PDB file of all heavy atoms in Angstrom:
ATOM      1  N   ASP A   1      -8.350 197.331 259.975  1.00  0.00           N
ATOM      2  CA  ASP A   1      -7.194 198.329 259.893  1.00  0.00           C
ATOM      3  C   ASP A   1      -7.796 199.694 260.279  1.00  0.00           C
ATOM      4  O   ASP A   1      -8.830 200.136 259.899  1.00  0.00           O
ATOM      5  CB  ASP A   1      -6.645 198.375 258.486  1.00  0.00           C
ATOM      6  CG  ASP A   1      -5.450 199.225 258.424  1.00  0.00           C
ATOM      7  OD1 ASP A   1      -4.514 199.080 259.251  1.00  0.00           O
ATOM      8  OD2 ASP A   1      -5.338 200.036 257.502  1.00  0.00           O
ATOM      9  N   ARG A   2      -7.042 200.420 261.185  1.00  0.00           N
ATOM     10  CA  ARG A   2      -7.434 201.680 261.645  1.00  0.00           C
ATOM     11  C   ARG A   2      -6.267 202.715 261.710  1.00  0.00           C
ATOM     12  O   ARG A   2      -5.180 202.382 262.147  1.00  0.00           O
ATOM     13  CB  ARG A   2      -7.992 201.597 263.072  1.00  0.00           C
ATOM     14  CG  ARG A   2      -8.506 202.901 263.646  1.00  0.00           C
ATOM     15  CD  ARG A   2      -9.357 202.657 264.879  1.00  0.00           C
ATOM     16  NE  ARG A   2      -8.693 202.091 266.011  1.00  0.00           N
ATOM     17  CZ  ARG A   2      -8.180 202.842 266.961  1.00  0.00           C
ATOM     18  NH1 ARG A   2      -8.275 204.063 266.992  1.00  0.00           N
ATOM     19  NH2 ARG A   2      -7.486 202.226 267.970  1.00  0.00           N
ATOM     20  N   GLN A   3      -6.524 203.893 261.056  1.00  0.00           N
ATOM     21  CA  GLN A   3      -5.516 204.925 261.041  1.00  0.00           C
ATOM     22  C   GLN A   3      -6.238 206.213 261.594  1.00  0.00           C
ATOM     23  O   GLN A   3      -7.362 206.511 261.248  1.00  0.00           O
ATOM     24  CB  GLN A   3      -5.024 205.132 259.653  1.00  0.00           C
ATOM     25  CG  GLN A   3      -4.325 203.929 259.037  1.00  0.00           C
ATOM     26  CD  GLN A   3      -3.591 204.294 257.724  1.00  0.00           C
ATOM     27  OE1 GLN A   3      -2.768 205.156 257.696  1.00  0.00           O
ATOM     28  NE2 GLN A   3      -3.982 203.592 256.692  1.00  0.00           N
ATOM     29  N   ARG A   4      -5.384 206.855 262.336  1.00  0.00           N
ATOM     30  CA  ARG A   4      -5.923 208.157 262.909  1.00  0.00           C
ATOM     31  C   ARG A   4      -5.131 209.415 262.479  1.00  0.00           C
ATOM     32  O   ARG A   4      -3.858 209.337 262.451  1.00  0.00           O
ATOM     33  CB  ARG A   4      -5.847 208.072 264.457  1.00  0.00           C
ATOM     34  CG  ARG A   4      -6.554 209.249 265.279  1.00  0.00           C
ATOM     35  CD  ARG A   4      -6.341 209.132 266.756  1.00  0.00           C
ATOM     36  NE  ARG A   4      -7.023 210.057 267.494  1.00  0.00           N
ATOM     37  CZ  ARG A   4      -6.663 211.342 267.719  1.00  0.00           C
ATOM     38  NH1 ARG A   4      -5.598 211.682 267.180  1.00  0.00           N
ATOM     39  NH2 ARG A   4      -7.471 212.138 268.366  1.00  0.00           N
ATOM     40  N   PHE A   5      -5.878 210.487 262.202  1.00  0.00           N
ATOM     41  CA  PHE A   5      -5.189 211.762 261.826  1.00  0.00           C
ATOM     42  C   PHE A   5      -5.817 212.890 262.648  1.00  0.00           C
ATOM     43  O   PHE A   5      -6.978 212.969 262.984  1.00  0.00           O
ATOM     44  CB  PHE A   5      -5.397 211.982 260.341  1.00  0.00           C
ATOM     45  CG  PHE A   5      -4.872 210.895 259.432  1.00  0.00           C
ATOM     46  CD1 PHE A   5      -5.621 209.862 259.073  1.00  0.00           C
ATOM     47  CD2 PHE A   5      -3.581 210.990 258.986  1.00  0.00           C
ATOM     48  CE1 PHE A   5      -5.137 208.780 258.287  1.00  0.00           C
ATOM     49  CE2 PHE A   5      -3.027 210.026 258.122  1.00  0.00           C
ATOM     50  CZ  PHE A   5      -3.811 208.941 257.828  1.00  0.00           C
ATOM     51  N   ASP A   6      -5.013 213.946 262.829  1.00  0.00           N
ATOM     52  CA  ASP A   6      -5.522 215.218 263.502  1.00  0.00           C
ATOM     53  C   ASP A   6      -5.482 216.246 262.365  1.00  0.00           C
ATOM     54  O   ASP A   6      -4.452 216.550 261.789  1.00  0.00           O
ATOM     55  CB  ASP A   6      -4.545 215.579 264.656  1.00  0.00           C
ATOM     56  CG  ASP A   6      -4.781 214.680 265.861  1.00  0.00           C
ATOM     57  OD1 ASP A   6      -5.923 214.488 266.273  1.00  0.00           O
ATOM     58  OD2 ASP A   6      -3.790 214.040 266.359  1.00  0.00           O
ATOM     59  N   ALA A   7      -6.631 216.961 262.238  1.00  0.00           N
ATOM     60  CA  ALA A   7      -6.728 217.895 261.132  1.00  0.00           C
ATOM     61  C   ALA A   7      -6.258 219.309 261.631  1.00  0.00           C
ATOM     62  O   ALA A   7      -6.926 220.289 261.556  1.00  0.00           O
ATOM     63  CB  ALA A   7      -8.173 218.019 260.693  1.00  0.00           C
ATOM     64  N   ASP A   8      -5.031 219.288 262.143  1.00  0.00           N
ATOM     65  CA  ASP A   8      -4.459 220.596 262.560  1.00  0.00           C
ATOM     66  C   ASP A   8      -3.706 221.284 261.377  1.00  0.00           C
ATOM     67  O   ASP A   8      -3.747 220.776 260.233  1.00  0.00           O
ATOM     68  CB  ASP A   8      -3.564 220.440 263.775  1.00  0.00           C
ATOM     69  CG  ASP A   8      -2.412 219.392 263.556  1.00  0.00           C
ATOM     70  OD1 ASP A   8      -2.065 219.154 262.382  1.00  0.00           O
ATOM     71  OD2 ASP A   8      -1.923 218.817 264.516  1.00  0.00           O
ATOM     72  N   SER A   9      -3.015 222.362 261.703  1.00  0.00           N
ATOM     73  CA  SER A   9      -2.346 223.023 260.547  1.00  0.00           C
ATOM     74  C   SER A   9      -1.231 222.275 259.915  1.00  0.00           C
ATOM     75  O   SER A   9      -0.775 222.480 258.762  1.00  0.00           O
ATOM     76  CB  SER A   9      -1.718 224.423 261.039  1.00  0.00           C
ATOM     77  OG  SER A   9      -0.851 224.110 262.150  1.00  0.00           O
ATOM     78  N   GLY A  10      -0.708 221.225 260.641  1.00  0.00           N
ATOM     79  CA  GLY A  10       0.425 220.472 260.103  1.00  0.00           C
ATOM     80  C   GLY A  10      -0.007 219.198 259.387  1.00  0.00           C
ATOM     81  O   GLY A  10       0.816 218.368 258.902  1.00  0.00           O
ATOM     82  N   LEU A  11      -1.350 218.970 259.157  1.00  0.00           N
ATOM     83  CA  LEU A  11      -1.812 217.731 258.577  1.00  0.00           C
ATOM     84  C   LEU A  11      -1.551 217.792 257.031  1.00  0.00           C
ATOM     85  O   LEU A  11      -1.746 218.726 256.299  1.00  0.00           O
ATOM     86  CB  LEU A  11      -3.313 217.676 258.756  1.00  0.00           C
ATOM     87  CG  LEU A  11      -3.959 216.460 258.040  1.00  0.00           C
ATOM     88  CD1 LEU A  11      -3.425 215.166 258.591  1.00  0.00           C
ATOM     89  CD2 LEU A  11      -5.517 216.493 258.220  1.00  0.00           C
ATOM     90  N   ASP A  12      -0.989 216.640 256.612  1.00  0.00           N
ATOM     91  CA  ASP A  12      -0.856 216.429 255.183  1.00  0.00           C
ATOM     92  C   ASP A  12      -2.081 215.693 254.675  1.00  0.00           C
ATOM     93  O   ASP A  12      -2.255 214.445 254.751  1.00  0.00           O
ATOM     94  CB  ASP A  12       0.441 215.628 254.847  1.00  0.00           C
ATOM     95  CG  ASP A  12       0.714 215.408 253.427  1.00  0.00           C
ATOM     96  OD1 ASP A  12      -0.169 215.719 252.568  1.00  0.00           O
ATOM     97  OD2 ASP A  12       1.777 214.760 253.070  1.00  0.00           O
ATOM     98  N   TRP A  13      -2.967 216.464 254.087  1.00  0.00           N
ATOM     99  CA  TRP A  13      -4.252 215.891 253.559  1.00  0.00           C
ATOM    100  C   TRP A  13      -3.962 214.828 252.511  1.00  0.00           C
ATOM    101  O   TRP A  13      -4.780 213.825 252.411  1.00  0.00           O
ATOM    102  CB  TRP A  13      -5.187 216.939 253.077  1.00  0.00           C
ATOM    103  CG  TRP A  13      -5.840 217.725 254.154  1.00  0.00           C
ATOM    104  CD1 TRP A  13      -5.299 218.812 254.836  1.00  0.00           C
ATOM    105  CD2 TRP A  13      -7.060 217.468 254.837  1.00  0.00           C
ATOM    106  NE1 TRP A  13      -6.171 219.201 255.825  1.00  0.00           N
ATOM    107  CE2 TRP A  13      -7.287 218.415 255.832  1.00  0.00           C
ATOM    108  CE3 TRP A  13      -7.959 216.389 254.692  1.00  0.00           C
ATOM    109  CZ2 TRP A  13      -8.397 218.377 256.652  1.00  0.00           C
ATOM    110  CZ3 TRP A  13      -9.164 216.398 255.437  1.00  0.00           C
ATOM    111  CH2 TRP A  13      -9.339 217.403 256.393  1.00  0.00           C
ATOM    112  N   ASP A  14      -2.967 214.984 251.736  1.00  0.00           N
ATOM    113  CA  ASP A  14      -2.744 213.979 250.649  1.00  0.00           C
ATOM    114  C   ASP A  14      -2.428 212.521 251.287  1.00  0.00           C
ATOM    115  O   ASP A  14      -2.747 211.573 250.746  1.00  0.00           O
ATOM    116  CB  ASP A  14      -1.514 214.394 249.883  1.00  0.00           C
ATOM    117  CG  ASP A  14      -1.881 215.534 248.968  1.00  0.00           C
ATOM    118  OD1 ASP A  14      -3.001 215.794 248.625  1.00  0.00           O
ATOM    119  OD2 ASP A  14      -0.916 216.315 248.551  1.00  0.00           O
ATOM    120  N   GLU A  15      -1.890 212.579 252.548  1.00  0.00           N
ATOM    121  CA  GLU A  15      -1.615 211.322 253.252  1.00  0.00           C
ATOM    122  C   GLU A  15      -2.968 210.616 253.485  1.00  0.00           C
ATOM    123  O   GLU A  15      -3.110 209.361 253.438  1.00  0.00           O
ATOM    124  CB  GLU A  15      -0.890 211.611 254.487  1.00  0.00           C
ATOM    125  CG  GLU A  15      -0.418 210.282 255.269  1.00  0.00           C
ATOM    126  CD  GLU A  15       0.402 210.611 256.464  1.00  0.00           C
ATOM    127  OE1 GLU A  15       0.722 211.755 256.628  1.00  0.00           O
ATOM    128  OE2 GLU A  15       0.706 209.644 257.265  1.00  0.00           O
ATOM    129  N   ILE A  16      -3.945 211.384 253.973  1.00  0.00           N
ATOM    130  CA  ILE A  16      -5.273 210.837 254.267  1.00  0.00           C
ATOM    131  C   ILE A  16      -5.906 210.237 252.900  1.00  0.00           C
ATOM    132  O   ILE A  16      -6.428 209.113 252.899  1.00  0.00           O
ATOM    133  CB  ILE A  16      -6.212 211.811 254.850  1.00  0.00           C
ATOM    134  CG1 ILE A  16      -5.647 212.377 256.221  1.00  0.00           C
ATOM    135  CG2 ILE A  16      -7.583 211.244 255.082  1.00  0.00           C
ATOM    136  CD1 ILE A  16      -6.588 213.365 256.819  1.00  0.00           C
ATOM    137  N   PHE A  17      -5.848 211.039 251.873  1.00  0.00           N
ATOM    138  CA  PHE A  17      -6.399 210.549 250.606  1.00  0.00           C
ATOM    139  C   PHE A  17      -5.752 209.343 250.158  1.00  0.00           C
ATOM    140  O   PHE A  17      -6.348 208.366 249.597  1.00  0.00           O
ATOM    141  CB  PHE A  17      -6.269 211.650 249.590  1.00  0.00           C
ATOM    142  CG  PHE A  17      -7.311 212.740 249.679  1.00  0.00           C
ATOM    143  CD1 PHE A  17      -7.081 213.817 250.454  1.00  0.00           C
ATOM    144  CD2 PHE A  17      -8.530 212.621 248.950  1.00  0.00           C
ATOM    145  CE1 PHE A  17      -8.020 214.762 250.564  1.00  0.00           C
ATOM    146  CE2 PHE A  17      -9.508 213.575 249.137  1.00  0.00           C
ATOM    147  CZ  PHE A  17      -9.298 214.756 249.890  1.00  0.00           C
ATOM    148  N   SER A  18      -4.444 209.236 250.358  1.00  0.00           N
ATOM    149  CA  SER A  18      -3.735 208.060 249.989  1.00  0.00           C
ATOM    150  C   SER A  18      -4.114 206.812 250.834  1.00  0.00           C
ATOM    151  O   SER A  18      -4.337 205.734 250.260  1.00  0.00           O
ATOM    152  CB  SER A  18      -2.209 208.298 250.125  1.00  0.00           C
ATOM    153  OG  SER A  18      -1.463 207.081 249.865  1.00  0.00           O
ATOM    154  N   ALA A  19      -4.256 207.039 252.139  1.00  0.00           N
ATOM    155  CA  ALA A  19      -4.660 205.981 252.889  1.00  0.00           C
ATOM    156  C   ALA A  19      -6.105 205.523 252.592  1.00  0.00           C
ATOM    157  O   ALA A  19      -6.433 204.347 252.679  1.00  0.00           O
ATOM    158  CB  ALA A  19      -4.620 206.479 254.406  1.00  0.00           C
ATOM    159  N   SER A  20      -7.046 206.439 252.161  1.00  0.00           N
ATOM    160  CA  SER A  20      -8.325 206.084 251.925  1.00  0.00           C
ATOM    161  C   SER A  20      -8.558 205.222 250.745  1.00  0.00           C
ATOM    162  O   SER A  20      -9.548 204.583 250.534  1.00  0.00           O
ATOM    163  CB  SER A  20      -9.205 207.434 251.776  1.00  0.00           C
ATOM    164  OG  SER A  20      -8.904 207.991 250.517  1.00  0.00           O
ATOM    165  N   GLN A  21      -7.557 205.207 249.830  1.00  0.00           N
ATOM    166  CA  GLN A  21      -7.505 204.454 248.697  1.00  0.00           C
ATOM    167  C   GLN A  21      -6.647 203.224 248.638  1.00  0.00           C
ATOM    168  O   GLN A  21      -6.525 202.521 247.619  1.00  0.00           O
ATOM    169  CB  GLN A  21      -7.136 205.314 247.461  1.00  0.00           C
ATOM    170  CG  GLN A  21      -8.102 206.522 247.247  1.00  0.00           C
ATOM    171  CD  GLN A  21      -9.482 206.077 246.982  1.00  0.00           C
ATOM    172  OE1 GLN A  21      -9.773 205.119 246.270  1.00  0.00           O
ATOM    173  NE2 GLN A  21     -10.455 206.830 247.625  1.00  0.00           N
ATOM    174  N   THR A  22      -5.935 203.028 249.789  1.00  0.00           N
ATOM    175  CA  THR A  22      -4.941 201.914 249.890  1.00  0.00           C
ATOM    176  C   THR A  22      -5.435 200.867 250.914  1.00  0.00           C
ATOM    177  O   THR A  22      -5.736 201.237 252.042  1.00  0.00           O
ATOM    178  CB  THR A  22      -3.568 202.521 250.275  1.00  0.00           C
ATOM    179  OG1 THR A  22      -3.101 203.463 249.405  1.00  0.00           O
ATOM    180  CG2 THR A  22      -2.486 201.374 250.323  1.00  0.00           C
ATOM    181  N   LEU A  23      -5.500 199.635 250.531  1.00  0.00           N
ATOM    182  CA  LEU A  23      -5.799 198.597 251.423  1.00  0.00           C
ATOM    183  C   LEU A  23      -4.539 197.882 251.932  1.00  0.00           C
ATOM    184  O   LEU A  23      -3.564 197.739 251.102  1.00  0.00           O
ATOM    185  CB  LEU A  23      -6.665 197.555 250.757  1.00  0.00           C
ATOM    186  CG  LEU A  23      -8.077 198.110 250.195  1.00  0.00           C
ATOM    187  CD1 LEU A  23      -8.796 196.999 249.520  1.00  0.00           C
ATOM    188  CD2 LEU A  23      -8.896 198.644 251.371  1.00  0.00           C
ATOM    189  N   SER A  24      -4.545 197.560 253.157  1.00  0.00           N
ATOM    190  CA  SER A  24      -3.293 196.917 253.723  1.00  0.00           C
ATOM    191  C   SER A  24      -3.267 195.399 253.202  1.00  0.00           C
ATOM    192  O   SER A  24      -4.259 194.789 252.737  1.00  0.00           O
ATOM    193  CB  SER A  24      -3.290 196.953 255.202  1.00  0.00           C
ATOM    194  OG  SER A  24      -4.201 196.016 255.772  1.00  0.00           O
ATOM    195  N   LEU A  25      -2.050 194.789 253.466  1.00  0.00           N
ATOM    196  CA  LEU A  25      -1.949 193.377 253.056  1.00  0.00           C
ATOM    197  C   LEU A  25      -2.734 192.525 253.966  1.00  0.00           C
ATOM    198  O   LEU A  25      -3.056 191.363 253.618  1.00  0.00           O
ATOM    199  CB  LEU A  25      -0.434 193.005 253.160  1.00  0.00           C
ATOM    200  CG  LEU A  25       0.496 193.702 252.225  1.00  0.00           C
ATOM    201  CD1 LEU A  25       1.907 193.283 252.445  1.00  0.00           C
ATOM    202  CD2 LEU A  25       0.119 193.335 250.753  1.00  0.00           C
ATOM    203  N   PHE A  26      -3.121 192.954 255.181  1.00  0.00           N
ATOM    204  CA  PHE A  26      -3.794 192.134 256.174  1.00  0.00           C
ATOM    205  C   PHE A  26      -5.235 192.421 256.377  1.00  0.00           C
ATOM    206  O   PHE A  26      -6.022 191.782 257.043  1.00  0.00           O
ATOM    207  CB  PHE A  26      -3.007 192.251 257.485  1.00  0.00           C
ATOM    208  CG  PHE A  26      -1.525 192.007 257.376  1.00  0.00           C
ATOM    209  CD1 PHE A  26      -0.676 193.094 257.335  1.00  0.00           C
ATOM    210  CD2 PHE A  26      -0.976 190.701 257.238  1.00  0.00           C
ATOM    211  CE1 PHE A  26       0.692 192.879 257.233  1.00  0.00           C
ATOM    212  CE2 PHE A  26       0.278 190.506 257.246  1.00  0.00           C
ATOM    213  CZ  PHE A  26       1.179 191.527 257.183  1.00  0.00           C
ATOM    214  N   SER A  27      -5.735 193.414 255.737  1.00  0.00           N
ATOM    215  CA  SER A  27      -7.068 193.854 255.833  1.00  0.00           C
ATOM    216  C   SER A  27      -7.659 194.316 254.562  1.00  0.00           C
ATOM    217  O   SER A  27      -7.024 195.044 253.846  1.00  0.00           O
ATOM    218  CB  SER A  27      -7.257 194.935 256.888  1.00  0.00           C
ATOM    219  OG  SER A  27      -8.546 195.397 257.067  1.00  0.00           O
ATOM    220  N   GLN A  28      -8.955 193.966 254.344  1.00  0.00           N
ATOM    221  CA  GLN A  28      -9.577 194.378 253.105  1.00  0.00           C
ATOM    222  C   GLN A  28     -10.473 195.593 253.408  1.00  0.00           C
ATOM    223  O   GLN A  28     -10.988 196.174 252.356  1.00  0.00           O
ATOM    224  CB  GLN A  28     -10.446 193.236 252.494  1.00  0.00           C
ATOM    225  CG  GLN A  28      -9.598 192.092 251.988  1.00  0.00           C
ATOM    226  CD  GLN A  28      -8.573 192.483 250.863  1.00  0.00           C
ATOM    227  OE1 GLN A  28      -9.084 193.129 249.957  1.00  0.00           O
ATOM    228  NE2 GLN A  28      -7.392 192.176 251.065  1.00  0.00           N
ATOM    229  N   ARG A  29     -10.627 195.945 254.678  1.00  0.00           N
ATOM    230  CA  ARG A  29     -11.470 197.009 255.024  1.00  0.00           C
ATOM    231  C   ARG A  29     -10.797 197.849 256.078  1.00  0.00           C
ATOM    232  O   ARG A  29     -10.166 197.324 257.017  1.00  0.00           O
ATOM    233  CB  ARG A  29     -12.898 196.499 255.521  1.00  0.00           C
ATOM    234  CG  ARG A  29     -13.568 195.460 254.670  1.00  0.00           C
ATOM    235  CD  ARG A  29     -14.923 195.094 255.148  1.00  0.00           C
ATOM    236  NE  ARG A  29     -15.890 196.013 254.417  1.00  0.00           N
ATOM    237  CZ  ARG A  29     -17.164 196.044 254.682  1.00  0.00           C
ATOM    238  NH1 ARG A  29     -17.682 195.152 255.578  1.00  0.00           N
ATOM    239  NH2 ARG A  29     -17.992 196.854 254.045  1.00  0.00           N
ATOM    240  N   GLN A  30     -11.025 199.160 256.039  1.00  0.00           N
ATOM    241  CA  GLN A  30     -10.258 199.987 256.990  1.00  0.00           C
ATOM    242  C   GLN A  30     -11.165 201.151 257.513  1.00  0.00           C
ATOM    243  O   GLN A  30     -12.097 201.583 256.898  1.00  0.00           O
ATOM    244  CB  GLN A  30      -8.994 200.626 256.406  1.00  0.00           C
ATOM    245  CG  GLN A  30      -9.274 201.526 255.200  1.00  0.00           C
ATOM    246  CD  GLN A  30      -7.960 202.236 254.737  1.00  0.00           C
ATOM    247  OE1 GLN A  30      -7.083 202.462 255.542  1.00  0.00           O
ATOM    248  NE2 GLN A  30      -7.905 202.489 253.534  1.00  0.00           N
ATOM    249  N   ILE A  31     -10.651 201.590 258.712  1.00  0.00           N
ATOM    250  CA  ILE A  31     -11.250 202.788 259.339  1.00  0.00           C
ATOM    251  C   ILE A  31     -10.311 203.915 259.378  1.00  0.00           C
ATOM    252  O   ILE A  31      -9.111 203.724 259.679  1.00  0.00           O
ATOM    253  CB  ILE A  31     -11.652 202.470 260.858  1.00  0.00           C
ATOM    254  CG1 ILE A  31     -12.537 201.255 260.986  1.00  0.00           C
ATOM    255  CG2 ILE A  31     -12.293 203.650 261.545  1.00  0.00           C
ATOM    256  CD1 ILE A  31     -12.680 200.720 262.414  1.00  0.00           C
ATOM    257  N   ILE A  32     -10.693 205.126 258.952  1.00  0.00           N
ATOM    258  CA  ILE A  32      -9.893 206.248 259.108  1.00  0.00           C
ATOM    259  C   ILE A  32     -10.594 207.235 260.042  1.00  0.00           C
ATOM    260  O   ILE A  32     -11.775 207.584 259.845  1.00  0.00           O
ATOM    261  CB  ILE A  32      -9.743 207.040 257.670  1.00  0.00           C
ATOM    262  CG1 ILE A  32      -8.758 206.158 256.791  1.00  0.00           C
ATOM    263  CG2 ILE A  32      -9.194 208.414 257.892  1.00  0.00           C
ATOM    264  CD1 ILE A  32      -8.486 206.780 255.464  1.00  0.00           C
ATOM    265  N   GLU A  33      -9.873 207.539 261.147  1.00  0.00           N
ATOM    266  CA  GLU A  33     -10.358 208.406 262.119  1.00  0.00           C
ATOM    267  C   GLU A  33      -9.741 209.749 261.960  1.00  0.00           C
ATOM    268  O   GLU A  33      -8.506 209.922 261.861  1.00  0.00           O
ATOM    269  CB  GLU A  33     -10.158 207.872 263.545  1.00  0.00           C
ATOM    270  CG  GLU A  33     -10.841 206.609 263.853  1.00  0.00           C
ATOM    271  CD  GLU A  33     -10.716 206.137 265.266  1.00  0.00           C
ATOM    272  OE1 GLU A  33     -10.144 206.890 266.091  1.00  0.00           O
ATOM    273  OE2 GLU A  33     -11.188 205.006 265.557  1.00  0.00           O
ATOM    274  N   LEU A  34     -10.526 210.823 261.958  1.00  0.00           N
ATOM    275  CA  LEU A  34     -10.048 212.148 261.759  1.00  0.00           C
ATOM    276  C   LEU A  34     -10.563 213.108 262.826  1.00  0.00           C
ATOM    277  O   LEU A  34     -11.763 213.198 263.113  1.00  0.00           O
ATOM    278  CB  LEU A  34     -10.481 212.659 260.454  1.00  0.00           C
ATOM    279  CG  LEU A  34     -10.095 214.084 260.040  1.00  0.00           C
ATOM    280  CD1 LEU A  34      -8.531 214.285 259.914  1.00  0.00           C
ATOM    281  CD2 LEU A  34     -10.751 214.464 258.715  1.00  0.00           C
ATOM    282  N   HIS A  35      -9.670 213.712 263.640  1.00  0.00           N
ATOM    283  CA  HIS A  35     -10.009 214.626 264.720  1.00  0.00           C
ATOM    284  C   HIS A  35      -9.984 216.004 264.192  1.00  0.00           C
ATOM    285  O   HIS A  35      -8.906 216.543 263.859  1.00  0.00           O
ATOM    286  CB  HIS A  35      -9.127 214.367 265.939  1.00  0.00           C
ATOM    287  CG  HIS A  35      -9.511 215.292 267.085  1.00  0.00           C
ATOM    288  ND1 HIS A  35     -10.642 215.128 267.826  1.00  0.00           N
ATOM    289  CD2 HIS A  35      -8.852 216.418 267.588  1.00  0.00           C
ATOM    290  CE1 HIS A  35     -10.678 216.029 268.726  1.00  0.00           C
ATOM    291  NE2 HIS A  35      -9.617 216.806 268.635  1.00  0.00           N
ATOM    292  N   LEU A  36     -11.057 216.782 264.258  1.00  0.00           N
ATOM    293  CA  LEU A  36     -11.145 218.157 263.790  1.00  0.00           C
ATOM    294  C   LEU A  36     -10.797 219.118 264.958  1.00  0.00           C
ATOM    295  O   LEU A  36     -11.140 218.885 266.166  1.00  0.00           O
ATOM    296  CB  LEU A  36     -12.461 218.450 263.300  1.00  0.00           C
ATOM    297  CG  LEU A  36     -13.075 217.596 262.086  1.00  0.00           C
ATOM    298  CD1 LEU A  36     -14.414 218.143 261.686  1.00  0.00           C
ATOM    299  CD2 LEU A  36     -12.049 217.520 260.983  1.00  0.00           C
TER     300      LEU A  36
END
């Protein structure tokens, strides 16, 4: 599982924190990509 976020002024950081602690139904391991 892979999710991508852009750390611009409109980023909801809580969404990233939620994603980092949530596993999908189809994957037990996930990648979070963050562009600064």
